[in-house]
Amino acid sequence: MSESADHGSADKQIERAIKQYDRLQSFFPRIEARAAFLFALDIALAGITAANLPGVGCARPALAVAAVLAASLALGILFALLVFTTHLANPSRKSLLYFGDIAAMAAADYQEADAKETADQFLDDLRRQNWRNAQILTHKYRWAGLSFRATAAAIPLWLLFLIMNAYLTGHAPVWKPG
């Protein structure tokens, strides 16, 4: 195989794969920060809504809006939580990069396996880990997108609910219990 066909020497391939690994790893905190914001926002909206439910009494239109709002917020929270779920199953062979596989080994066994690993084996392991991380990130971004959509749908409903509450009670919404 020519050098151009295999993307250069083994060292260059490893360097390229490590850069890809680092790049993929950098996406995890980004998407989890977005999900944390959406989770907190949904919890806050749900809390303010719950604090204002007694004000609407049995007014069916307001309760109907609150029910749809609650469903949207519940979906937003569920999808945000799915972003945080761990994906510990390693579908490929045992890895010297995956922390779960490393932790399952005795320290001496890990050190021995690491010392014996060839550059080709390391590159193969690194590529498999990059593929697995890309799979996990795809799921996390999908769930974060669904959480965003559910939260975005909830915000107008939340505002409508607060307006209806103000109209029904004759005073500004309650922003905190008590």
Foldseek 3Di string as FASTA:
>chain_A
DDQVVVVHDLVRLVVVLVVLVVVLVVVLVVLLVLLVVLLVVLVLLLQLLVQLVVLCPVVPVLVVLVVLLVVLSVLLNVLSVVLVDDDQDQPDDQALVRPVSLVVDDPVVSVVCVVPDDSVNNSVRSVSVSVVSVVSVVSSVVSSVSSVVSSVVNVVSSVVSQVSSCVRNVHHGDSHHD
